[in-house]
Protein backbone atom coordinates (compact mmCIF):
# COMPACT_ATOMS: atom_id res chain seq x y z
CA MET A 1 0.00 0.00 0.00
CA ALA A 2 1.57 3.28 -1.11
CA TYR A 3 1.19 5.98 1.48
CA PRO A 4 -1.03 8.93 0.53
CA LEU A 5 0.64 12.22 -0.29
CA ILE A 6 0.82 14.91 2.38
CA CYS A 7 -0.61 18.14 1.00
CA LEU A 8 0.23 21.33 2.89
CA THR A 9 -2.60 23.86 2.70
CA LEU A 10 -1.23 27.40 2.42
CA THR A 11 -3.36 30.26 3.76
CA GLY A 12 -0.83 33.06 3.93
CA ARG A 13 -1.74 36.54 2.72
CA THR A 14 1.21 36.82 0.34
CA LEU A 15 3.01 34.52 -2.06
CA GLN A 16 6.28 35.07 -0.25
CA GLU A 17 4.77 34.12 3.09
CA ASN A 18 3.55 30.89 1.53
CA VAL A 19 6.93 30.23 -0.09
CA GLU A 20 8.61 30.51 3.32
CA THR A 21 6.07 28.12 4.80
CA VAL A 22 6.75 25.53 2.09
CA ARG A 23 10.51 25.83 2.65
CA LYS A 24 10.02 25.33 6.37
CA TYR A 25 8.06 22.10 5.91
CA ALA A 26 9.53 20.85 2.63
CA SER A 27 10.94 17.67 4.15
CA CYS A 28 7.54 16.75 5.63
CA ILE A 29 5.29 17.26 2.60
CA ASP A 30 4.80 16.00 -0.94
CA ILE A 31 2.66 18.74 -2.47
CA ALA A 32 1.22 22.12 -1.48
CA GLU A 33 -2.18 23.71 -1.99
CA LEU A 34 -2.21 27.43 -2.69
CA ARG A 35 -5.43 28.84 -1.28
CA VAL A 36 -5.73 31.88 -3.53
CA ASP A 37 -8.90 32.89 -1.67
CA TYR A 38 -6.71 33.69 1.36
CA LEU A 39 -4.28 35.90 -0.55
CA ASP A 40 -4.48 39.67 -0.45
CA GLU A 41 -6.35 40.89 -3.52
CA ALA A 42 -3.25 42.32 -5.16
CA GLU A 43 -1.43 39.03 -4.65
CA GLN A 44 -4.23 36.94 -6.17
CA PHE A 45 -3.45 38.26 -9.64
CA SER A 46 0.13 36.97 -9.34
CA ALA A 47 -0.79 33.41 -8.32
CA ARG A 48 0.43 32.13 -11.73
CA ARG A 49 4.03 32.68 -10.58
CA PHE A 50 3.75 30.54 -7.47
CA PRO A 51 4.48 26.98 -8.76
CA ALA A 52 7.91 28.09 -9.99
CA MET A 53 8.69 29.53 -6.53
CA ILE A 54 8.44 26.28 -4.57
CA PRO A 55 10.17 22.86 -4.80
CA VAL A 56 7.02 20.68 -4.69
CA PRO A 57 4.00 20.26 -7.00
CA CYS A 58 1.17 22.67 -6.29
CA VAL A 59 -2.64 22.62 -6.23
CA LEU A 60 -4.54 25.73 -7.31
CA THR A 61 -7.61 26.33 -5.14
CA ILE A 62 -9.93 29.33 -5.03
CA ARG A 63 -12.57 28.29 -2.51
CA ARG A 64 -15.95 29.99 -2.19
CA ARG A 65 -17.18 30.90 1.28
CA GLU A 66 -20.08 28.45 1.10
CA ASP A 67 -17.55 25.69 0.50
CA GLY A 68 -15.38 26.69 3.45
CA GLY A 69 -13.24 29.33 1.74
CA LYS A 70 -12.92 33.10 1.81
CA PHE A 71 -13.63 34.09 -1.80
CA GLU A 72 -16.65 36.41 -1.88
CA GLY A 73 -16.56 37.74 -5.42
CA THR A 74 -18.82 36.70 -8.28
CA GLU A 75 -18.44 33.41 -10.11
CA PHE A 76 -17.39 35.39 -13.16
CA SER A 77 -14.51 37.00 -11.26
CA ARG A 78 -13.51 33.63 -9.78
CA THR A 79 -13.56 32.03 -13.22
CA THR A 80 -11.38 34.85 -14.52
CA LEU A 81 -8.95 34.34 -11.65
CA PHE A 82 -8.76 30.62 -12.41
CA ALA A 83 -8.08 31.39 -16.08
CA ARG A 84 -5.39 33.94 -15.23
CA SER A 85 -3.69 31.50 -12.80
CA LEU A 86 -3.64 28.67 -15.35
CA ALA A 87 -2.68 30.76 -18.40
CA TYR A 88 0.62 30.76 -20.28
CA ALA A 89 1.63 27.22 -19.41
CA ASP A 90 5.39 26.71 -19.25
CA LEU A 91 7.09 23.97 -21.26
CA ASN A 92 8.59 22.89 -17.94
CA PRO A 93 5.65 21.25 -16.09
CA SER A 94 7.21 21.94 -12.69
CA LYS A 95 6.56 25.65 -13.26
CA ASN A 96 2.83 25.07 -13.74
CA PHE A 97 0.20 24.09 -11.25
CA ALA A 98 0.09 20.30 -11.09
CA TYR A 99 -3.53 20.21 -9.89
CA VAL A 100 -6.53 22.50 -9.86
CA ASP A 101 -9.48 22.11 -7.50
CA PHE A 102 -12.90 22.66 -9.08
CA GLU A 103 -16.07 22.11 -7.06
CA GLU A 104 -18.50 19.47 -8.35
CA ASP A 105 -20.92 22.18 -9.57
CA PHE A 106 -18.20 24.27 -11.24
CA HIS A 107 -18.05 23.26 -14.89
CA VAL A 108 -16.33 25.65 -17.30
CA PRO A 109 -15.41 23.64 -20.42
CA ASN A 110 -12.62 25.98 -21.54
CA LEU A 111 -10.91 25.78 -18.14
CA GLN A 112 -11.32 22.02 -17.96
CA ASP A 113 -9.96 21.54 -21.47
CA ALA A 114 -7.00 23.84 -20.77
CA ALA A 115 -6.16 21.97 -17.58
CA LEU A 116 -6.22 18.61 -19.31
CA ALA A 117 -4.22 19.95 -22.26
CA PHE A 118 -1.52 21.25 -19.95
CA GLY A 119 -1.39 17.98 -17.95
CA ILE A 120 -2.99 19.59 -14.91
CA ARG A 121 -5.11 17.07 -12.96
CA ILE A 122 -8.52 18.27 -11.84
CA ILE A 123 -9.58 17.60 -8.27
CA ARG A 124 -13.38 17.58 -8.37
CA SER A 125 -14.45 18.46 -4.84
CA CYS A 126 -17.51 18.25 -2.63
CA HIS A 127 -17.60 19.88 0.83
CA ASP A 128 -20.49 19.39 3.23
CA PHE A 129 -20.20 21.15 6.56
CA ARG A 130 -23.69 20.17 7.73
CA ASN A 131 -24.25 16.52 6.90
CA PRO A 132 -22.16 13.39 6.38
CA VAL A 133 -21.89 12.13 2.83
CA VAL A 134 -23.00 8.54 2.23
CA ASN A 135 -22.55 6.17 -0.70
CA VAL A 136 -19.19 7.74 -1.41
CA ARG A 137 -18.23 5.37 -4.24
CA GLU A 138 -21.30 6.27 -6.28
CA ARG A 139 -20.93 9.95 -5.40
CA CYS A 140 -17.32 9.96 -6.55
CA LYS A 141 -18.21 8.32 -9.85
CA ARG A 142 -20.97 10.85 -10.53
CA MET A 143 -18.69 13.79 -9.78
CA CYS A 144 -16.15 13.07 -12.50
CA SER A 145 -16.71 13.23 -16.23
CA THR A 146 -13.28 11.81 -17.11
CA ARG A 147 -10.94 9.29 -15.56
CA PHE A 148 -8.29 12.00 -15.31
CA GLU A 149 -10.20 13.76 -12.54
CA ILE A 150 -9.74 13.01 -8.84
CA PRO A 151 -13.01 13.12 -6.87
CA LYS A 152 -12.72 14.63 -3.40
CA ILE A 153 -15.33 14.31 -0.66
CA ALA A 154 -14.91 16.13 2.66
CA PHE A 155 -17.72 16.28 5.19
CA MET A 156 -18.34 17.21 8.81
CA PRO A 157 -19.39 14.10 10.75
CA LYS A 158 -22.05 14.37 13.43
CA THR A 159 -20.92 11.21 15.22
CA LEU A 160 -18.01 8.80 15.09
CA SER A 161 -20.35 6.33 13.37
CA ASP A 162 -20.31 8.65 10.35
CA VAL A 163 -16.53 8.24 10.23
CA THR A 164 -16.78 4.49 10.70
CA ARG A 165 -19.18 4.27 7.76
CA LEU A 166 -16.71 6.23 5.61
CA PHE A 167 -13.98 3.68 6.35
CA ALA A 168 -16.37 0.81 5.67
CA GLU A 169 -17.49 2.24 2.33
CA ALA A 170 -13.94 3.07 1.25
CA ALA A 171 -12.49 -0.33 2.11
CA GLU A 172 -12.78 -1.63 -1.46
CA MET A 173 -12.37 1.68 -3.32
CA THR A 174 -9.11 0.86 -5.06
CA GLU A 175 -10.02 1.17 -8.75
CA PHE A 176 -9.61 4.96 -9.08
CA ASP A 177 -7.82 7.84 -7.38
CA HIS A 178 -9.93 9.72 -4.85
CA ILE A 179 -9.62 11.95 -1.79
CA LEU A 180 -11.76 11.25 1.27
CA CYS A 181 -11.73 12.93 4.65
CA ALA A 182 -14.00 13.57 7.60
CA MET A 183 -13.51 17.02 9.08
CA GLY A 184 -13.39 18.28 12.65
CA ASN A 185 -12.16 16.58 15.81
CA LEU A 186 -14.25 13.46 15.17
CA GLY A 187 -12.64 13.11 11.76
CA VAL A 188 -8.98 13.11 12.86
CA PRO A 189 -8.60 9.33 12.28
CA SER A 190 -9.41 9.90 8.59
CA ARG A 191 -6.43 12.28 8.37
CA ILE A 192 -3.98 9.90 10.04
CA LEU A 193 -5.32 6.72 8.44
CA ALA A 194 -5.87 8.17 4.98
CA GLY A 195 -4.21 5.07 3.58
CA ARG A 196 -6.98 2.89 4.99
CA LEU A 197 -9.38 5.05 2.97
CA HIS A 198 -7.16 4.53 -0.12
CA SER A 199 -7.10 8.32 -0.27
CA TYR A 200 -4.79 9.97 -2.78
CA LEU A 201 -3.66 12.52 -0.20
CA THR A 202 -4.26 13.91 3.25
CA TYR A 203 -4.34 17.63 3.98
CA ALA A 204 -2.20 19.30 6.63
CA SER A 205 -1.58 22.88 7.71
CA PRO A 206 1.10 24.68 9.75
CA PRO A 207 0.30 25.28 13.44
CA ASP A 208 0.60 29.05 13.01
CA MET A 209 -2.11 28.99 10.34
CA ASP A 210 -4.60 26.95 12.36
CA GLU A 211 -6.82 29.94 13.11
CA ASN A 212 -7.53 30.22 9.38
CA LEU A 213 -8.79 26.66 9.24
CA ALA A 214 -10.45 26.45 12.65
CA GLY A 215 -12.73 23.46 12.94
CA VAL A 216 -11.60 21.70 9.77
CA GLY A 217 -9.37 19.29 11.67
CA HIS A 218 -6.04 19.55 9.87
CA LEU A 219 -2.98 18.20 11.64
CA ASP A 220 0.35 19.86 11.05
CA PRO A 221 2.82 17.98 8.81
CA VAL A 222 5.45 17.55 11.53
CA THR A 223 2.88 15.90 13.80
CA LEU A 224 1.77 13.61 10.97
CA ASN A 225 5.33 12.50 10.28
CA ASP A 226 7.01 12.55 13.68
CA LEU A 227 4.17 11.64 16.04
CA TYR A 228 2.08 9.41 13.78
CA ASN A 229 4.83 8.03 11.53
CA PHE A 230 2.49 8.70 8.61
CA ARG A 231 4.77 7.63 5.78
CA ASN A 232 5.41 4.22 7.33
CA ILE A 233 1.81 3.22 7.97
CA ASN A 234 0.93 0.14 5.91
CA GLU A 235 -1.61 -2.66 5.76
CA LYS A 236 0.27 -4.58 8.47
CA THR A 237 0.40 -1.70 10.95
CA GLU A 238 -1.39 -2.71 14.16
CA LEU A 239 -3.56 -0.05 15.75
CA CYS A 240 -4.29 1.10 19.29
CA ALA A 241 -6.12 4.22 20.39
CA VAL A 242 -7.25 6.53 23.16
CA THR A 243 -10.95 7.32 23.22
CA GLY A 244 -12.97 9.94 25.07
CA PHE A 245 -14.69 13.25 24.53
CA PRO A 246 -13.92 15.96 23.60
CA LEU A 247 -10.33 14.64 23.51
CA LYS A 248 -8.94 17.82 21.96
CA VAL A 249 -5.67 17.44 23.88
CA THR A 250 -4.04 14.14 24.79
CA SER A 251 -0.43 13.09 25.32
CA SER A 252 -1.18 9.37 25.09
CA PRO A 253 -0.21 9.09 21.38
CA LEU A 254 3.21 10.57 22.16
CA ILE A 255 3.82 8.08 24.96
CA HIS A 256 2.74 5.00 23.03
CA ASN A 257 4.12 5.90 19.60
CA SER A 258 7.49 6.75 21.17
CA GLY A 259 7.46 3.29 22.71
CA TYR A 260 6.62 1.61 19.42
CA ARG A 261 9.39 3.49 17.68
CA PHE A 262 11.94 2.62 20.38
CA HIS A 263 11.05 -1.06 20.24
CA ASN A 264 10.89 -1.07 16.42
CA MET A 265 7.22 -2.12 16.30
CA ASN A 266 4.95 -1.64 13.31
CA ARG A 267 2.22 -0.16 15.48
CA LEU A 268 0.34 3.12 15.66
CA PHE A 269 -1.59 4.80 18.48
CA ILE A 270 -4.26 7.31 17.43
CA PRO A 271 -6.78 9.63 19.15
CA LEU A 272 -10.39 8.56 18.73
CA ALA A 273 -12.85 11.22 19.83
CA SER A 274 -16.42 10.01 20.23
CA THR A 275 -19.59 10.95 22.04
CA SER A 276 -20.35 7.28 22.73
CA ILE A 277 -18.15 4.40 23.89
CA ALA A 278 -20.33 2.06 21.83
CA GLU A 279 -19.34 4.01 18.69
CA SER A 280 -15.67 3.88 19.72
CA LEU A 281 -15.92 0.10 19.94
CA GLU A 282 -17.72 -0.03 16.59
CA PHE A 283 -14.84 1.87 14.97
CA ALA A 284 -12.29 -0.32 16.77
CA ASP A 285 -13.96 -3.50 15.53
CA LEU A 286 -13.95 -2.31 11.91
CA LEU A 287 -10.32 -1.13 11.95
CA GLY A 288 -9.03 -4.07 14.01
CA ILE A 289 -7.81 -1.92 16.92
CA ARG A 290 -6.05 -4.14 19.47
CA GLY A 291 -6.30 -2.01 22.59
CA MET A 292 -7.69 1.32 23.77
CA ALA A 293 -6.97 3.75 26.56
CA VAL A 294 -10.33 4.93 27.88
CA THR A 295 -10.64 8.42 29.29
CA VAL A 296 -13.44 10.74 30.39
CA PRO A 297 -16.36 10.35 30.17
CA PHE A 298 -16.28 6.62 29.33
CA LYS A 299 -14.45 4.97 32.24
CA GLU A 300 -17.70 3.69 33.73
CA ASP A 301 -19.81 3.42 30.56
CA VAL A 302 -17.32 0.99 29.02
CA LEU A 303 -17.91 -1.63 31.72
CA GLU A 304 -21.14 -2.94 30.21
CA HIS A 305 -19.33 -3.69 26.94
CA LEU A 306 -16.58 -5.87 28.45
CA GLU A 307 -16.42 -9.63 28.65
CA SER A 308 -14.33 -9.55 31.83
CA VAL A 309 -12.40 -7.15 34.08
CA ASP A 310 -9.46 -7.45 36.43
CA ALA A 311 -9.71 -7.18 40.21
CA GLN A 312 -8.75 -3.50 40.29
CA VAL A 313 -11.50 -2.55 37.84
CA GLY A 314 -13.97 -4.50 39.94
CA GLU A 315 -12.94 -2.74 43.14
CA ILE A 316 -12.57 0.74 41.64
CA GLY A 317 -15.67 0.50 39.48
CA ALA A 318 -13.96 2.22 36.54
CA CYS A 319 -11.84 1.07 33.61
CA ASN A 320 -9.24 3.07 31.71
CA THR A 321 -7.73 0.29 29.58
CA ILE A 322 -9.34 -2.31 27.34
CA VAL A 323 -7.54 -5.04 25.45
CA ARG A 324 -8.85 -7.40 22.79
CA GLU A 325 -8.13 -10.94 23.93
CA ASN A 326 -9.37 -13.97 21.98
CA GLY A 327 -11.76 -11.74 20.06
CA VAL A 328 -13.41 -10.10 23.09
CA TRP A 329 -12.71 -6.93 25.08
CA VAL A 330 -11.36 -7.26 28.63
CA GLY A 331 -10.91 -4.39 31.08
CA ARG A 332 -7.92 -3.24 33.11
CA ASN A 333 -7.19 -0.22 35.29
CA THR A 334 -3.78 1.42 35.20
CA ASP A 335 -4.84 4.77 36.68
CA ALA A 336 -4.37 3.61 40.27
CA LEU A 337 -0.90 2.21 39.64
CA GLY A 338 0.14 5.30 37.67
CA PHE A 339 -1.16 7.66 40.33
CA GLN A 340 0.44 5.75 43.19
CA ARG A 341 3.85 5.85 41.56
CA ALA A 342 3.50 9.54 40.68
CA LEU A 343 2.30 10.50 44.18
CA SER A 344 5.12 8.55 45.84
CA GLU A 345 7.66 10.47 43.78
CA PHE A 346 5.93 13.76 44.54
CA ILE A 347 5.85 13.40 48.34
CA GLY A 348 9.01 11.29 48.63
CA LYS A 349 7.24 8.49 50.49
CA LYS A 350 5.63 5.19 49.54
CA LYS A 351 3.17 5.21 52.42
CA LEU A 352 0.66 7.75 53.69
CA HIS A 353 0.50 6.74 57.36
CA ARG A 354 -0.94 9.56 59.50
CA ARG A 355 -1.46 11.70 56.39
CA ARG A 356 -4.90 13.19 55.77
CA VAL A 357 -5.89 13.42 52.13
CA ALA A 358 -8.62 15.43 50.41
CA ILE A 359 -9.83 13.92 47.14
CA ILE A 360 -11.70 16.43 44.98
CA GLY A 361 -14.22 14.75 42.70
CA ALA A 362 -16.11 11.46 42.63
CA GLY A 363 -15.69 10.15 39.08
CA GLY A 364 -13.70 7.24 37.74
CA ALA A 365 -10.37 8.99 38.26
CA ALA A 366 -11.31 9.86 41.85
CA ARG A 367 -12.09 6.21 42.56
CA ALA A 368 -8.72 5.13 41.18
CA VAL A 369 -7.04 7.75 43.37
CA ALA A 370 -9.05 6.62 46.40
CA TYR A 371 -8.02 3.02 45.73
CA ALA A 372 -4.35 4.04 45.67
CA VAL A 373 -4.64 6.25 48.77
CA ARG A 374 -6.21 3.40 50.75
CA HIS A 375 -3.53 1.00 49.48
CA MET A 376 -0.88 3.48 50.68
CA GLY A 377 -2.45 3.69 54.13
CA GLY A 378 -3.85 7.22 53.96
CA ARG A 379 -7.01 8.62 55.53
CA ALA A 380 -9.17 10.56 53.12
CA CYS A 381 -12.29 12.60 52.63
CA ILE A 382 -14.09 12.70 49.29
CA PHE A 383 -15.41 16.13 48.22
CA ASN A 384 -17.93 16.47 45.40
CA ARG A 385 -20.61 18.94 44.39
CA THR A 386 -23.14 16.11 44.38
CA ALA A 387 -22.82 14.82 47.92
CA SER A 388 -24.48 11.48 47.12
CA HIS A 389 -21.71 10.71 44.63
CA ALA A 390 -19.07 11.60 47.21
CA LYS A 391 -20.81 9.34 49.71
CA ALA A 392 -20.82 6.41 47.27
CA VAL A 393 -17.07 6.66 46.70
CA ALA A 394 -16.36 7.19 50.40
CA GLU A 395 -18.36 4.12 51.41
CA ARG A 396 -16.63 2.02 48.76
CA PHE A 397 -13.22 2.74 50.27
CA GLY A 398 -14.04 3.42 53.94
CA PHE A 399 -13.42 7.18 53.81
CA GLU A 400 -15.30 10.30 54.91
CA TYR A 401 -17.17 12.56 52.53
CA ALA A 402 -18.39 16.16 52.29
CA PRO A 403 -20.10 18.39 49.74
CA LEU A 404 -17.73 20.49 47.64
CA GLU A 405 -18.85 23.96 48.74
CA GLU A 406 -17.65 26.91 50.78
CA GLU A 407 -19.30 25.58 53.93
CA SER A 408 -16.93 22.59 53.78
CA ALA A 409 -13.76 24.72 53.94
CA ALA A 410 -13.12 23.69 57.55
CA VAL A 411 -13.46 20.00 56.67
CA LEU A 412 -11.14 20.46 53.72
CA GLU A 413 -8.58 22.09 55.99
CA ARG A 414 -8.63 19.05 58.30
CA TYR A 415 -7.79 16.81 55.33
CA SER A 416 -5.32 19.15 53.68
CA ASP A 417 -1.97 17.38 54.16
CA ILE A 418 -2.36 16.28 50.53
CA ILE A 419 -5.07 17.67 48.24
CA ILE A 420 -5.72 15.68 45.08
CA GLN A 421 -7.79 17.35 42.35
CA THR A 422 -9.39 14.75 40.03
CA THR A 423 -12.08 16.71 38.15
CA LYS A 424 -11.94 18.29 34.68
CA VAL A 425 -12.25 21.77 36.19
CA GLY A 426 -9.17 23.74 35.18
CA MET A 427 -8.50 21.69 32.06
CA ASN A 428 -7.46 23.91 29.15
CA SER A 429 -7.89 26.93 31.46
CA SER A 430 -5.70 29.92 32.12
CA GLY A 431 -5.84 33.12 34.08
CA ALA A 432 -6.42 33.87 37.72
CA SER A 433 -8.13 31.36 39.98
CA SER A 434 -11.92 31.65 39.91
CA LYS A 435 -15.07 29.70 40.65
CA GLU A 436 -15.15 28.58 37.02
CA ASN A 437 -11.62 27.16 36.79
CA ASN A 438 -10.74 26.18 40.37
CA PRO A 439 -12.91 23.57 42.12
CA ILE A 440 -11.70 24.70 45.57
CA TYR A 441 -11.65 28.42 44.82
CA PHE A 442 -12.92 29.09 48.35
CA TYR A 443 -10.00 27.39 50.12
CA GLN A 444 -7.21 29.49 51.62
CA PHE A 445 -3.91 27.66 51.27
CA LYS A 446 -1.57 27.85 54.27
CA GLY A 447 1.57 26.93 52.35
CA THR A 448 2.04 23.54 54.03
CA GLU A 449 -0.17 21.52 51.71
CA HIS A 450 0.88 19.24 48.87
CA LEU A 451 -1.40 19.75 45.88
CA PHE A 452 -1.61 17.14 43.13
CA ASP A 453 -3.80 18.02 40.13
CA ILE A 454 -4.32 15.12 37.71
CA VAL A 455 -4.93 17.64 34.88
CA TYR A 456 -1.78 18.17 32.77
CA ASP A 457 -2.97 20.80 30.29
CA PRO A 458 -2.18 23.49 31.15
CA VAL A 459 1.03 22.50 32.91
CA VAL A 460 0.08 24.84 35.75
CA THR A 461 -3.66 24.89 36.40
CA PRO A 462 -5.35 27.78 38.22
CA VAL A 463 -5.62 25.77 41.45
CA MET A 464 -1.93 24.85 41.19
CA ALA A 465 -1.03 28.51 40.68
CA ALA A 466 -3.05 29.52 43.74
CA ALA A 467 -1.39 26.83 45.84
CA ALA A 468 2.12 27.68 44.62
CA ALA A 469 1.55 31.37 45.35
CA ALA A 470 0.94 30.39 48.98
CA GLY A 471 4.17 28.36 49.11
CA CYS A 472 2.70 24.89 48.57
CA LYS A 473 4.40 22.11 46.66
CA THR A 474 2.41 21.26 43.53
CA CYS A 475 2.37 18.57 40.85
CA ASN A 476 0.33 18.13 37.69
CA GLY A 477 -0.92 14.88 36.18
CA LEU A 478 1.74 14.35 33.53
CA SER A 479 3.73 11.85 35.59
CA MET A 480 0.54 9.92 36.40
CA LEU A 481 -0.31 9.89 32.68
CA LYS A 482 3.13 8.55 31.81
CA TYR A 483 3.19 5.80 34.40
CA GLN A 484 -0.30 4.53 33.68
CA GLY A 485 0.55 4.71 29.97
CA TYR A 486 3.66 2.59 30.46
CA LYS A 487 1.52 -0.15 32.00
CA GLN A 488 -1.03 0.17 29.18
CA PHE A 489 1.83 -0.24 26.70
CA ASN A 490 2.70 -3.54 28.37
CA TYR A 491 -0.91 -4.72 28.21
CA PHE A 492 -1.18 -3.79 24.53
CA THR A 493 2.15 -5.21 23.37
CA GLY A 494 3.37 -7.70 25.97
CA VAL A 495 6.63 -5.70 26.12
CA ASP A 496 7.88 -3.47 28.94
CA TYR A 497 8.15 0.22 28.11
CA GLU A 498 11.58 0.34 29.75
CA GLY A 499 14.06 2.45 27.79
CA ALA A 500 11.54 4.20 25.57
CA ASP A 501 11.12 7.01 28.10
CA THR A 502 14.77 7.99 27.63
CA GLU A 503 14.58 8.10 23.82
């Protein structure tokens, strides 16, 4: 299976800006797409010069706003701009556009004939930002009037099942070139696994241009190559994944793919955003995924889909790791082990005798933390906004509980030797501590507490900043993530992670 091309989408305002971007990423890409609709108006009329300015083949695209672009002129003016950009073909093909993107409803015979005469391949595109496209094979065939055209279908999925259906429909589409992709966060697997869609190319964009393509779901070319080993993915590559929602930020692929690379394994670990664990499993079954890390909000929901679980999952009541064994899914929990190792390093002790611990939250992560705290001999109180949930966790592990509110500040102070924050509050947050980003905004740190926040993005959460300002020792969840990931790696591969963390 030949890997799809990596096409760098260029949305700079000037030709020179785009030239510099191509030079920066030249080693990571195969072709570039000049989005003329993003150029300053004066620059648009000089687009014809661009192919000769860069070292890779180039796609000419002038995208209308309704198709996800920025061009707002008339169709006549856009047609004229296409004609001007394709005119005066050079005898040296490398100085001409290699491809031109025409929408499926844009048929101008003179332009089409000129493109074909000059050896310029037409990408015939369909973009749907509202609904998934079904029956893609038939749609692709209808879109193209000649076999020299490359049909392109890009749509915004509503659920992961829409993406799964795309992979199922594309499985046997090998008789003609085509481009298929699902957009947005749900569609990221279609970017990474474009080869499994038999797609001619996958689109990428530089990180500093992301604001121009917000919501489309492009990865940057360095991430595609270095993190996801894109050019080495083949039909024998075994897959694993992390699933959750919204899953916009996760370090799990870095941990696992670094391990695969260190141990010279033909494996790939991908992010799999989904609003339903059942849909994650549906995708995994179709693609043959061998194991999945399970994160919020699925650590409890996944239990009903498992054939069996280990003792820790049974006691904690949450599962963060599933492995396909003998054709069925079995559950494991590595959160508790990862947290225990990380906490021991943080406080410099393996036991918590005579230490009072406040656990903030009552979800699956909180239960894994409570399991570890009990195993280490600590005394704890569970704090949660819904007191009944706190009570359930407390009774499971023999701890105290209290509502997470200002009136519980005195109770929190009694259990403040170590404060462990397990909720999503503070994730992807910045700025001063507030009620919105700090679950214990009402607590006045004395400076003697140890604060462990299992969130790792940002590196310093608002509650960590408030604690550090008072002189407290703080730790984020990155070490916990690493250590639980190392154990997951072993479950998925049968090989210890040892050594990969020093790569």
